[in-house]
Amino acid sequence: LASGERLEEVAKCGAGGTFFLCGEGGDER
């Protein structure tokens, strides 16, 4: 992220895309 916040991969899609949780914390990110 341009902000420098943390990225955590949480899921994917069949076409090679990725879902990330951003920043610190839990599922509320």
mmCIF file of all heavy atoms, coordinates in Angstrom:
data_MODEL
# 
_entry.id   MODEL 
# 
loop_
_atom_site.group_PDB 
_atom_site.id 
_atom_site.type_symbol 
_atom_site.label_atom_id 
_atom_site.label_alt_id 
_atom_site.label_comp_id 
_atom_site.label_asym_id 
_atom_site.label_entity_id 
_atom_site.label_seq_id 
_atom_site.pdbx_PDB_ins_code 
_atom_site.Cartn_x 
_atom_site.Cartn_y 
_atom_site.Cartn_z 
_atom_site.occupancy 
_atom_site.B_iso_or_equiv 
_atom_site.pdbx_formal_charge 
_atom_site.auth_seq_id 
_atom_site.auth_comp_id 
_atom_site.auth_asym_id 
_atom_site.auth_atom_id 
_atom_site.pdbx_PDB_model_num 
ATOM 1   N N   . LEU A 1 1  ? 0.851   -1.184  0.000   1.00 0.00 ? 1  LEU A N   1 
ATOM 2   C CA  . LEU A 1 1  ? 0.000   0.000   0.000   1.00 0.00 ? 1  LEU A CA  1 
ATOM 3   C C   . LEU A 1 1  ? 0.888   1.235   0.000   1.00 0.00 ? 1  LEU A C   1 
ATOM 4   O O   . LEU A 1 1  ? 1.928   1.274   0.669   1.00 0.00 ? 1  LEU A O   1 
ATOM 5   C CB  . LEU A 1 1  ? -0.903  0.021   1.230   1.00 0.00 ? 1  LEU A CB  1 
ATOM 6   C CG  . LEU A 1 1  ? -2.095  -0.912  1.199   1.00 0.00 ? 1  LEU A CG  1 
ATOM 7   C CD1 . LEU A 1 1  ? -2.808  -0.929  2.542   1.00 0.00 ? 1  LEU A CD1 1 
ATOM 8   C CD2 . LEU A 1 1  ? -3.064  -0.504  0.092   1.00 0.00 ? 1  LEU A CD2 1 
ATOM 9   N N   . ALA A 1 2  ? 0.479   2.258   -0.748  1.00 0.00 ? 2  ALA A N   1 
ATOM 10  C CA  . ALA A 1 2  ? 1.246   3.500   -0.804  1.00 0.00 ? 2  ALA A CA  1 
ATOM 11  C C   . ALA A 1 2  ? 1.402   4.109   0.589   1.00 0.00 ? 2  ALA A C   1 
ATOM 12  O O   . ALA A 1 2  ? 2.409   4.751   0.890   1.00 0.00 ? 2  ALA A O   1 
ATOM 13  C CB  . ALA A 1 2  ? 0.568   4.495   -1.746  1.00 0.00 ? 2  ALA A CB  1 
ATOM 14  N N   . SER A 1 3  ? 0.424   3.879   1.451   1.00 0.00 ? 3  SER A N   1 
ATOM 15  C CA  . SER A 1 3  ? 0.458   4.409   2.813   1.00 0.00 ? 3  SER A CA  1 
ATOM 16  C C   . SER A 1 3  ? 1.468   3.701   3.707   1.00 0.00 ? 3  SER A C   1 
ATOM 17  O O   . SER A 1 3  ? 1.783   4.173   4.788   1.00 0.00 ? 3  SER A O   1 
ATOM 18  C CB  . SER A 1 3  ? -0.929  4.280   3.451   1.00 0.00 ? 3  SER A CB  1 
ATOM 19  O OG  . SER A 1 3  ? -1.232  2.897   3.634   1.00 0.00 ? 3  SER A OG  1 
ATOM 20  N N   . GLY A 1 4  ? 1.927   2.535   3.268   1.00 0.00 ? 4  GLY A N   1 
ATOM 21  C CA  . GLY A 1 4  ? 2.837   1.734   4.083   1.00 0.00 ? 4  GLY A CA  1 
ATOM 22  C C   . GLY A 1 4  ? 2.127   0.807   5.046   1.00 0.00 ? 4  GLY A C   1 
ATOM 23  O O   . GLY A 1 4  ? 2.775   0.037   5.766   1.00 0.00 ? 4  GLY A O   1 
ATOM 24  N N   . GLU A 1 5  ? 0.789   0.863   5.086   1.00 0.00 ? 5  GLU A N   1 
ATOM 25  C CA  . GLU A 1 5  ? 0.036   -0.030  5.966   1.00 0.00 ? 5  GLU A CA  1 
ATOM 26  C C   . GLU A 1 5  ? 0.249   -1.484  5.550   1.00 0.00 ? 5  GLU A C   1 
ATOM 27  O O   . GLU A 1 5  ? 0.525   -1.780  4.392   1.00 0.00 ? 5  GLU A O   1 
ATOM 28  C CB  . GLU A 1 5  ? -1.466  0.280   5.905   1.00 0.00 ? 5  GLU A CB  1 
ATOM 29  C CG  . GLU A 1 5  ? -1.877  1.533   6.623   1.00 0.00 ? 5  GLU A CG  1 
ATOM 30  C CD  . GLU A 1 5  ? -3.380  1.690   6.577   1.00 0.00 ? 5  GLU A CD  1 
ATOM 31  O OE1 . GLU A 1 5  ? -4.053  1.173   7.499   1.00 0.00 ? 5  GLU A OE1 1 
ATOM 32  O OE2 . GLU A 1 5  ? -3.872  2.321   5.628   1.00 0.00 ? 5  GLU A OE2 1 
ATOM 33  N N   . ARG A 1 6  ? 0.062   -2.344  6.499   1.00 0.00 ? 6  ARG A N   1 
ATOM 34  C CA  . ARG A 1 6  ? 0.224   -3.787  6.308   1.00 0.00 ? 6  ARG A CA  1 
ATOM 35  C C   . ARG A 1 6  ? -0.881  -4.352  5.411   1.00 0.00 ? 6  ARG A C   1 
ATOM 36  O O   . ARG A 1 6  ? -2.017  -3.894  5.447   1.00 0.00 ? 6  ARG A O   1 
ATOM 37  C CB  . ARG A 1 6  ? 0.165   -4.433  7.692   1.00 0.00 ? 6  ARG A CB  1 
ATOM 38  C CG  . ARG A 1 6  ? 0.225   -5.910  7.715   1.00 0.00 ? 6  ARG A CG  1 
ATOM 39  C CD  . ARG A 1 6  ? 0.256   -6.390  9.182   1.00 0.00 ? 6  ARG A CD  1 
ATOM 40  N NE  . ARG A 1 6  ? 0.077   -7.816  9.196   1.00 0.00 ? 6  ARG A NE  1 
ATOM 41  C CZ  . ARG A 1 6  ? -0.910  -8.447  9.813   1.00 0.00 ? 6  ARG A CZ  1 
ATOM 42  N NH1 . ARG A 1 6  ? -1.794  -7.771  10.505  1.00 0.00 ? 6  ARG A NH1 1 
ATOM 43  N NH2 . ARG A 1 6  ? -1.001  -9.745  9.767   1.00 0.00 ? 6  ARG A NH2 1 
ATOM 44  N N   . LEU A 1 7  ? -0.538  -5.346  4.609   1.00 0.00 ? 7  LEU A N   1 
ATOM 45  C CA  . LEU A 1 7  ? -1.493  -6.107  3.803   1.00 0.00 ? 7  LEU A CA  1 
ATOM 46  C C   . LEU A 1 7  ? -1.437  -7.565  4.246   1.00 0.00 ? 7  LEU A C   1 
ATOM 47  O O   . LEU A 1 7  ? -0.353  -8.123  4.390   1.00 0.00 ? 7  LEU A O   1 
ATOM 48  C CB  . LEU A 1 7  ? -1.143  -6.050  2.317   1.00 0.00 ? 7  LEU A CB  1 
ATOM 49  C CG  . LEU A 1 7  ? -1.398  -4.755  1.584   1.00 0.00 ? 7  LEU A CG  1 
ATOM 50  C CD1 . LEU A 1 7  ? -0.812  -4.823  0.180   1.00 0.00 ? 7  LEU A CD1 1 
ATOM 51  C CD2 . LEU A 1 7  ? -2.885  -4.466  1.520   1.00 0.00 ? 7  LEU A CD2 1 
ATOM 52  N N   . GLU A 1 8  ? -2.601  -8.159  4.435   1.00 0.00 ? 8  GLU A N   1 
ATOM 53  C CA  . GLU A 1 8  ? -2.667  -9.582  4.793   1.00 0.00 ? 8  GLU A CA  1 
ATOM 54  C C   . GLU A 1 8  ? -3.599  -10.279 3.808   1.00 0.00 ? 8  GLU A C   1 
ATOM 55  O O   . GLU A 1 8  ? -4.783  -9.955  3.716   1.00 0.00 ? 8  GLU A O   1 
ATOM 56  C CB  . GLU A 1 8  ? -3.213  -9.752  6.207   1.00 0.00 ? 8  GLU A CB  1 
ATOM 57  C CG  . GLU A 1 8  ? -3.338  -11.199 6.632   1.00 0.00 ? 8  GLU A CG  1 
ATOM 58  C CD  . GLU A 1 8  ? -3.990  -11.368 7.990   1.00 0.00 ? 8  GLU A CD  1 
ATOM 59  O OE1 . GLU A 1 8  ? -4.033  -10.401 8.778   1.00 0.00 ? 8  GLU A OE1 1 
ATOM 60  O OE2 . GLU A 1 8  ? -4.465  -12.486 8.257   1.00 0.00 ? 8  GLU A OE2 1 
ATOM 61  N N   . GLU A 1 9  ? -3.047  -11.229 3.063   1.00 0.00 ? 9  GLU A N   1 
ATOM 62  C CA  . GLU A 1 9  ? -3.859  -11.990 2.114   1.00 0.00 ? 9  GLU A CA  1 
ATOM 63  C C   . GLU A 1 9  ? -4.858  -12.828 2.886   1.00 0.00 ? 9  GLU A C   1 
ATOM 64  O O   . GLU A 1 9  ? -4.484  -13.540 3.812   1.00 0.00 ? 9  GLU A O   1 
ATOM 65  C CB  . GLU A 1 9  ? -2.962  -12.876 1.263   1.00 0.00 ? 9  GLU A CB  1 
ATOM 66  C CG  . GLU A 1 9  ? -2.015  -12.069 0.399   1.00 0.00 ? 9  GLU A CG  1 
ATOM 67  C CD  . GLU A 1 9  ? -0.702  -12.761 0.133   1.00 0.00 ? 9  GLU A CD  1 
ATOM 68  O OE1 . GLU A 1 9  ? -0.319  -13.678 0.892   1.00 0.00 ? 9  GLU A OE1 1 
ATOM 69  O OE2 . GLU A 1 9  ? -0.029  -12.363 -0.833  1.00 0.00 ? 9  GLU A OE2 1 
ATOM 70  N N   . VAL A 1 10 ? -6.147  -12.729 2.504   1.00 0.00 ? 10 VAL A N   1 
ATOM 71  C CA  . VAL A 1 10 ? -7.179  -13.451 3.244   1.00 0.00 ? 10 VAL A CA  1 
ATOM 72  C C   . VAL A 1 10 ? -7.980  -14.386 2.348   1.00 0.00 ? 10 VAL A C   1 
ATOM 73  O O   . VAL A 1 10 ? -8.541  -15.364 2.829   1.00 0.00 ? 10 VAL A O   1 
ATOM 74  C CB  . VAL A 1 10 ? -8.104  -12.481 4.007   1.00 0.00 ? 10 VAL A CB  1 
ATOM 75  C CG1 . VAL A 1 10 ? -8.972  -11.670 3.071   1.00 0.00 ? 10 VAL A CG1 1 
ATOM 76  C CG2 . VAL A 1 10 ? -8.943  -13.206 5.030   1.00 0.00 ? 10 VAL A CG2 1 
ATOM 77  N N   . ALA A 1 11 ? -8.017  -14.106 1.042   1.00 0.00 ? 11 ALA A N   1 
ATOM 78  C CA  . ALA A 1 11 ? -8.785  -14.951 0.129   1.00 0.00 ? 11 ALA A CA  1 
ATOM 79  C C   . ALA A 1 11 ? -8.264  -14.726 -1.292  1.00 0.00 ? 11 ALA A C   1 
ATOM 80  O O   . ALA A 1 11 ? -7.478  -13.812 -1.535  1.00 0.00 ? 11 ALA A O   1 
ATOM 81  C CB  . ALA A 1 11 ? -10.273 -14.628 0.218   1.00 0.00 ? 11 ALA A CB  1 
ATOM 82  N N   . LYS A 1 12 ? -8.764  -15.569 -2.194  1.00 0.00 ? 12 LYS A N   1 
ATOM 83  C CA  . LYS A 1 12 ? -8.367  -15.452 -3.592  1.00 0.00 ? 12 LYS A CA  1 
ATOM 84  C C   . LYS A 1 12 ? -9.580  -15.683 -4.477  1.00 0.00 ? 12 LYS A C   1 
ATOM 85  O O   . LYS A 1 12 ? -10.637 -16.114 -4.008  1.00 0.00 ? 12 LYS A O   1 
ATOM 86  C CB  . LYS A 1 12 ? -7.282  -16.476 -3.926  1.00 0.00 ? 12 LYS A CB  1 
ATOM 87  C CG  . LYS A 1 12 ? -7.751  -17.924 -3.796  1.00 0.00 ? 12 LYS A CG  1 
ATOM 88  C CD  . LYS A 1 12 ? -6.640  -18.909 -4.086  1.00 0.00 ? 12 LYS A CD  1 
ATOM 89  C CE  . LYS A 1 12 ? -7.139  -20.338 -3.904  1.00 0.00 ? 12 LYS A CE  1 
ATOM 90  N NZ  . LYS A 1 12 ? -6.101  -21.315 -4.158  1.00 0.00 ? 12 LYS A NZ  1 
ATOM 91  N N   . CYS A 1 13 ? -9.406  -15.388 -5.749  1.00 0.00 ? 13 CYS A N   1 
ATOM 92  C CA  . CYS A 1 13 ? -10.440 -15.720 -6.726  1.00 0.00 ? 13 CYS A CA  1 
ATOM 93  C C   . CYS A 1 13 ? -9.805  -16.610 -7.788  1.00 0.00 ? 13 CYS A C   1 
ATOM 94  O O   . CYS A 1 13 ? -8.578  -16.686 -7.898  1.00 0.00 ? 13 CYS A O   1 
ATOM 95  C CB  . CYS A 1 13 ? -11.059 -14.469 -7.341  1.00 0.00 ? 13 CYS A CB  1 
ATOM 96  S SG  . CYS A 1 13 ? -10.050 -13.656 -8.584  1.00 0.00 ? 13 CYS A SG  1 
ATOM 97  N N   . GLY A 1 14 ? -10.630 -17.255 -8.564  1.00 0.00 ? 14 GLY A N   1 
ATOM 98  C CA  . GLY A 1 14 ? -10.152 -18.205 -9.552  1.00 0.00 ? 14 GLY A CA  1 
ATOM 99  C C   . GLY A 1 14 ? -9.335  -17.592 -10.674 1.00 0.00 ? 14 GLY A C   1 
ATOM 100 O O   . GLY A 1 14 ? -8.579  -18.283 -11.349 1.00 0.00 ? 14 GLY A O   1 
ATOM 101 N N   . ALA A 1 15 ? -9.467  -16.288 -10.889 1.00 0.00 ? 15 ALA A N   1 
ATOM 102 C CA  . ALA A 1 15 ? -8.742  -15.623 -11.971 1.00 0.00 ? 15 ALA A CA  1 
ATOM 103 C C   . ALA A 1 15 ? -7.390  -15.070 -11.518 1.00 0.00 ? 15 ALA A C   1 
ATOM 104 O O   . ALA A 1 15 ? -6.751  -14.326 -12.253 1.00 0.00 ? 15 ALA A O   1 
ATOM 105 C CB  . ALA A 1 15 ? -9.596  -14.497 -12.537 1.00 0.00 ? 15 ALA A CB  1 
ATOM 106 N N   . GLY A 1 16 ? -6.964  -15.415 -10.315 1.00 0.00 ? 16 GLY A N   1 
ATOM 107 C CA  . GLY A 1 16 ? -5.658  -14.969 -9.839  1.00 0.00 ? 16 GLY A CA  1 
ATOM 108 C C   . GLY A 1 16 ? -5.685  -13.709 -9.001  1.00 0.00 ? 16 GLY A C   1 
ATOM 109 O O   . GLY A 1 16 ? -4.633  -13.189 -8.637  1.00 0.00 ? 16 GLY A O   1 
ATOM 110 N N   . GLY A 1 17 ? -6.860  -13.216 -8.678  1.00 0.00 ? 17 GLY A N   1 
ATOM 111 C CA  . GLY A 1 17 ? -6.965  -12.031 -7.836  1.00 0.00 ? 17 GLY A CA  1 
ATOM 112 C C   . GLY A 1 17 ? -6.837  -12.387 -6.365  1.00 0.00 ? 17 GLY A C   1 
ATOM 113 O O   . GLY A 1 17 ? -7.005  -13.541 -5.966  1.00 0.00 ? 17 GLY A O   1 
ATOM 114 N N   . THR A 1 18 ? -6.538  -11.384 -5.578  1.00 0.00 ? 18 THR A N   1 
ATOM 115 C CA  . THR A 1 18 ? -6.315  -11.573 -4.145  1.00 0.00 ? 18 THR A CA  1 
ATOM 116 C C   . THR A 1 18 ? -7.122  -10.555 -3.348  1.00 0.00 ? 18 THR A C   1 
ATOM 117 O O   . THR A 1 18 ? -7.200  -9.390  -3.724  1.00 0.00 ? 18 THR A O   1 
ATOM 118 C CB  . THR A 1 18 ? -4.813  -11.401 -3.813  1.00 0.00 ? 18 THR A CB  1 
ATOM 119 O OG1 . THR A 1 18 ? -4.048  -12.237 -4.665  1.00 0.00 ? 18 THR A OG1 1 
ATOM 120 C CG2 . THR A 1 18 ? -4.523  -11.746 -2.368  1.00 0.00 ? 18 THR A CG2 1 
ATOM 121 N N   . PHE A 1 19 ? -7.691  -11.013 -2.246  1.00 0.00 ? 19 PHE A N   1 
ATOM 122 C CA  . PHE A 1 19 ? -8.385  -10.150 -1.300  1.00 0.00 ? 19 PHE A CA  1 
ATOM 123 C C   . PHE A 1 19 ? -7.453  -9.962  -0.108  1.00 0.00 ? 19 PHE A C   1 
ATOM 124 O O   . PHE A 1 19 ? -6.957  -10.940 0.450   1.00 0.00 ? 19 PHE A O   1 
ATOM 125 C CB  . PHE A 1 19 ? -9.688  -10.797 -0.836  1.00 0.00 ? 19 PHE A CB  1 
ATOM 126 C CG  . PHE A 1 19 ? -10.682 -10.993 -1.943  1.00 0.00 ? 19 PHE A CG  1 
ATOM 127 C CD1 . PHE A 1 19 ? -10.657 -12.136 -2.727  1.00 0.00 ? 19 PHE A CD1 1 
ATOM 128 C CD2 . PHE A 1 19 ? -11.656 -10.031 -2.197  1.00 0.00 ? 19 PHE A CD2 1 
ATOM 129 C CE1 . PHE A 1 19 ? -11.575 -12.329 -3.747  1.00 0.00 ? 19 PHE A CE1 1 
ATOM 130 C CE2 . PHE A 1 19 ? -12.580 -10.226 -3.210  1.00 0.00 ? 19 PHE A CE2 1 
ATOM 131 C CZ  . PHE A 1 19 ? -12.539 -11.374 -3.992  1.00 0.00 ? 19 PHE A CZ  1 
ATOM 132 N N   . PHE A 1 20 ? -7.214  -8.717  0.261   1.00 0.00 ? 20 PHE A N   1 
ATOM 133 C CA  . PHE A 1 20 ? -6.318  -8.372  1.360   1.00 0.00 ? 20 PHE A CA  1 
ATOM 134 C C   . PHE A 1 20 ? -7.085  -7.666  2.474   1.00 0.00 ? 20 PHE A C   1 
ATOM 135 O O   . PHE A 1 20 ? -7.943  -6.828  2.200   1.00 0.00 ? 20 PHE A O   1 
ATOM 136 C CB  . PHE A 1 20 ? -5.238  -7.393  0.892   1.00 0.00 ? 20 PHE A CB  1 
ATOM 137 C CG  . PHE A 1 20 ? -4.303  -7.898  -0.156  1.00 0.00 ? 20 PHE A CG  1 
ATOM 138 C CD1 . PHE A 1 20 ? -4.565  -7.665  -1.504  1.00 0.00 ? 20 PHE A CD1 1 
ATOM 139 C CD2 . PHE A 1 20 ? -3.150  -8.567  0.189   1.00 0.00 ? 20 PHE A CD2 1 
ATOM 140 C CE1 . PHE A 1 20 ? -3.692  -8.100  -2.486  1.00 0.00 ? 20 PHE A CE1 1 
ATOM 141 C CE2 . PHE A 1 20 ? -2.262  -9.012  -0.776  1.00 0.00 ? 20 PHE A CE2 1 
ATOM 142 C CZ  . PHE A 1 20 ? -2.533  -8.775  -2.130  1.00 0.00 ? 20 PHE A CZ  1 
ATOM 143 N N   . LEU A 1 21 ? -6.726  -7.954  3.713   1.00 0.00 ? 21 LEU A N   1 
ATOM 144 C CA  . LEU A 1 21 ? -7.117  -7.119  4.843   1.00 0.00 ? 21 LEU A CA  1 
ATOM 145 C C   . LEU A 1 21 ? -6.022  -6.075  4.984   1.00 0.00 ? 21 LEU A C   1 
ATOM 146 O O   . LEU A 1 21 ? -4.831  -6.395  4.894   1.00 0.00 ? 21 LEU A O   1 
ATOM 147 C CB  . LEU A 1 21 ? -7.244  -7.943  6.122   1.00 0.00 ? 21 LEU A CB  1 
ATOM 148 C CG  . LEU A 1 21 ? -8.397  -8.945  6.154   1.00 0.00 ? 21 LEU A CG  1 
ATOM 149 C CD1 . LEU A 1 21 ? -8.310  -9.823  7.396   1.00 0.00 ? 21 LEU A CD1 1 
ATOM 150 C CD2 . LEU A 1 21 ? -9.730  -8.230  6.101   1.00 0.00 ? 21 LEU A CD2 1 
ATOM 151 N N   . CYS A 1 22 ? -6.406  -4.821  5.207   1.00 0.00 ? 22 CYS A N   1 
ATOM 152 C CA  . CYS A 1 22 ? -5.454  -3.712  5.250   1.00 0.00 ? 22 CYS A CA  1 
ATOM 153 C C   . CYS A 1 22 ? -5.269  -3.178  6.663   1.00 0.00 ? 22 CYS A C   1 
ATOM 154 O O   . CYS A 1 22 ? -6.253  -3.011  7.390   1.00 0.00 ? 22 CYS A O   1 
ATOM 155 C CB  . CYS A 1 22 ? -5.957  -2.566  4.368   1.00 0.00 ? 22 CYS A CB  1 
ATOM 156 S SG  . CYS A 1 22 ? -6.252  -3.016  2.661   1.00 0.00 ? 22 CYS A SG  1 
ATOM 157 N N   . GLY A 1 23 ? -4.022  -2.899  7.008   1.00 0.00 ? 23 GLY A N   1 
ATOM 158 C CA  . GLY A 1 23 ? -3.726  -2.284  8.286   1.00 0.00 ? 23 GLY A CA  1 
ATOM 159 C C   . GLY A 1 23 ? -3.596  -3.288  9.415   1.00 0.00 ? 23 GLY A C   1 
ATOM 160 O O   . GLY A 1 23 ? -3.410  -4.481  9.193   1.00 0.00 ? 23 GLY A O   1 
ATOM 161 N N   . GLU A 1 24 ? -3.699  -2.789  10.621  1.00 0.00 ? 24 GLU A N   1 
ATOM 162 C CA  . GLU A 1 24 ? -3.576  -3.603  11.821  1.00 0.00 ? 24 GLU A CA  1 
ATOM 163 C C   . GLU A 1 24 ? -4.952  -3.903  12.386  1.00 0.00 ? 24 GLU A C   1 
ATOM 164 O O   . GLU A 1 24 ? -5.875  -3.124  12.217  1.00 0.00 ? 24 GLU A O   1 
ATOM 165 C CB  . GLU A 1 24 ? -2.735  -2.879  12.878  1.00 0.00 ? 24 GLU A CB  1 
ATOM 166 C CG  . GLU A 1 24 ? -1.313  -2.578  12.450  1.00 0.00 ? 24 GLU A CG  1 
ATOM 167 C CD  . GLU A 1 24 ? -0.479  -3.811  12.156  1.00 0.00 ? 24 GLU A CD  1 
ATOM 168 O OE1 . GLU A 1 24 ? -0.674  -4.844  12.846  1.00 0.00 ? 24 GLU A OE1 1 
ATOM 169 O OE2 . GLU A 1 24 ? 0.348   -3.759  11.233  1.00 0.00 ? 24 GLU A OE2 1 
ATOM 170 N N   . GLY A 1 25 ? -5.074  -5.006  13.069  1.00 0.00 ? 25 GLY A N   1 
ATOM 171 C CA  . GLY A 1 25 ? -6.329  -5.349  13.706  1.00 0.00 ? 25 GLY A CA  1 
ATOM 172 C C   . GLY A 1 25 ? -6.805  -6.716  13.279  1.00 0.00 ? 25 GLY A C   1 
ATOM 173 O O   . GLY A 1 25 ? -6.024  -7.564  12.853  1.00 0.00 ? 25 GLY A O   1 
ATOM 174 N N   . GLY A 1 26 ? -8.114  -6.899  13.352  1.00 0.00 ? 26 GLY A N   1 
ATOM 175 C CA  . GLY A 1 26 ? -8.705  -8.197  13.050  1.00 0.00 ? 26 GLY A CA  1 
ATOM 176 C C   . GLY A 1 26 ? -9.580  -8.141  11.815  1.00 0.00 ? 26 GLY A C   1 
ATOM 177 O O   . GLY A 1 26 ? -9.274  -7.455  10.844  1.00 0.00 ? 26 GLY A O   1 
ATOM 178 N N   . ASP A 1 27 ? -10.711 -8.819  11.905  1.00 0.00 ? 27 ASP A N   1 
ATOM 179 C CA  . ASP A 1 27 ? -11.617 -8.956  10.767  1.00 0.00 ? 27 ASP A CA  1 
ATOM 180 C C   . ASP A 1 27 ? -12.317 -7.655  10.388  1.00 0.00 ? 27 ASP A C   1 
ATOM 181 O O   . ASP A 1 27 ? -12.958 -7.577  9.351   1.00 0.00 ? 27 ASP A O   1 
ATOM 182 C CB  . ASP A 1 27 ? -12.694 -10.000 11.084  1.00 0.00 ? 27 ASP A CB  1 
ATOM 183 C CG  . ASP A 1 27 ? -12.114 -11.377 11.334  1.00 0.00 ? 27 ASP A CG  1 
ATOM 184 O OD1 . ASP A 1 27 ? -11.002 -11.668 10.849  1.00 0.00 ? 27 ASP A OD1 1 
ATOM 185 O OD2 . ASP A 1 27 ? -12.785 -12.166 12.019  1.00 0.00 ? 27 ASP A OD2 1 
ATOM 186 N N   . GLU A 1 28 ? -12.192 -6.634  11.227  1.00 0.00 ? 28 GLU A N   1 
ATOM 187 C CA  . GLU A 1 28 ? -12.854 -5.363  10.965  1.00 0.00 ? 28 GLU A CA  1 
ATOM 188 C C   . GLU A 1 28 ? -12.059 -4.477  10.004  1.00 0.00 ? 28 GLU A C   1 
ATOM 189 O O   . GLU A 1 28 ? -12.520 -3.407  9.599   1.00 0.00 ? 28 GLU A O   1 
ATOM 190 C CB  . GLU A 1 28 ? -13.095 -4.605  12.282  1.00 0.00 ? 28 GLU A CB  1 
ATOM 191 C CG  . GLU A 1 28 ? -11.870 -3.934  12.875  1.00 0.00 ? 28 GLU A CG  1 
ATOM 192 C CD  . GLU A 1 28 ? -10.837 -4.868  13.519  1.00 0.00 ? 28 GLU A CD  1 
ATOM 193 O OE1 . GLU A 1 28 ? -11.112 -6.079  13.689  1.00 0.00 ? 28 GLU A OE1 1 
ATOM 194 O OE2 . GLU A 1 28 ? -9.742  -4.393  13.853  1.00 0.00 ? 28 GLU A OE2 1 
ATOM 195 N N   . ARG A 1 29 ? -10.876 -4.921  9.608   1.00 0.00 ? 29 ARG A N   1 
ATOM 196 C CA  . ARG A 1 29 ? -10.024 -4.120  8.725   1.00 0.00 ? 29 ARG A CA  1 
ATOM 197 C C   . ARG A 1 29 ? -10.622 -4.005  7.321   1.00 0.00 ? 29 ARG A C   1 
ATOM 198 O O   . ARG A 1 29 ? -11.328 -4.903  6.861   1.00 0.00 ? 29 ARG A O   1 
ATOM 199 C CB  . ARG A 1 29 ? -8.630  -4.750  8.620   1.00 0.00 ? 29 ARG A CB  1 
ATOM 200 C CG  . ARG A 1 29 ? -7.861  -4.680  9.913   1.00 0.00 ? 29 ARG A CG  1 
ATOM 201 C CD  . ARG A 1 29 ? -6.530  -5.375  9.809   1.00 0.00 ? 29 ARG A CD  1 
ATOM 202 N NE  . ARG A 1 29 ? -6.745  -6.832  9.850   1.00 0.00 ? 29 ARG A NE  1 
ATOM 203 C CZ  . ARG A 1 29 ? -5.840  -7.716  9.507   1.00 0.00 ? 29 ARG A CZ  1 
ATOM 204 N NH1 . ARG A 1 29 ? -4.650  -7.341  9.077   1.00 0.00 ? 29 ARG A NH1 1 
ATOM 205 N NH2 . ARG A 1 29 ? -6.100  -9.007  9.595   1.00 0.00 ? 29 ARG A NH2 1 
# 
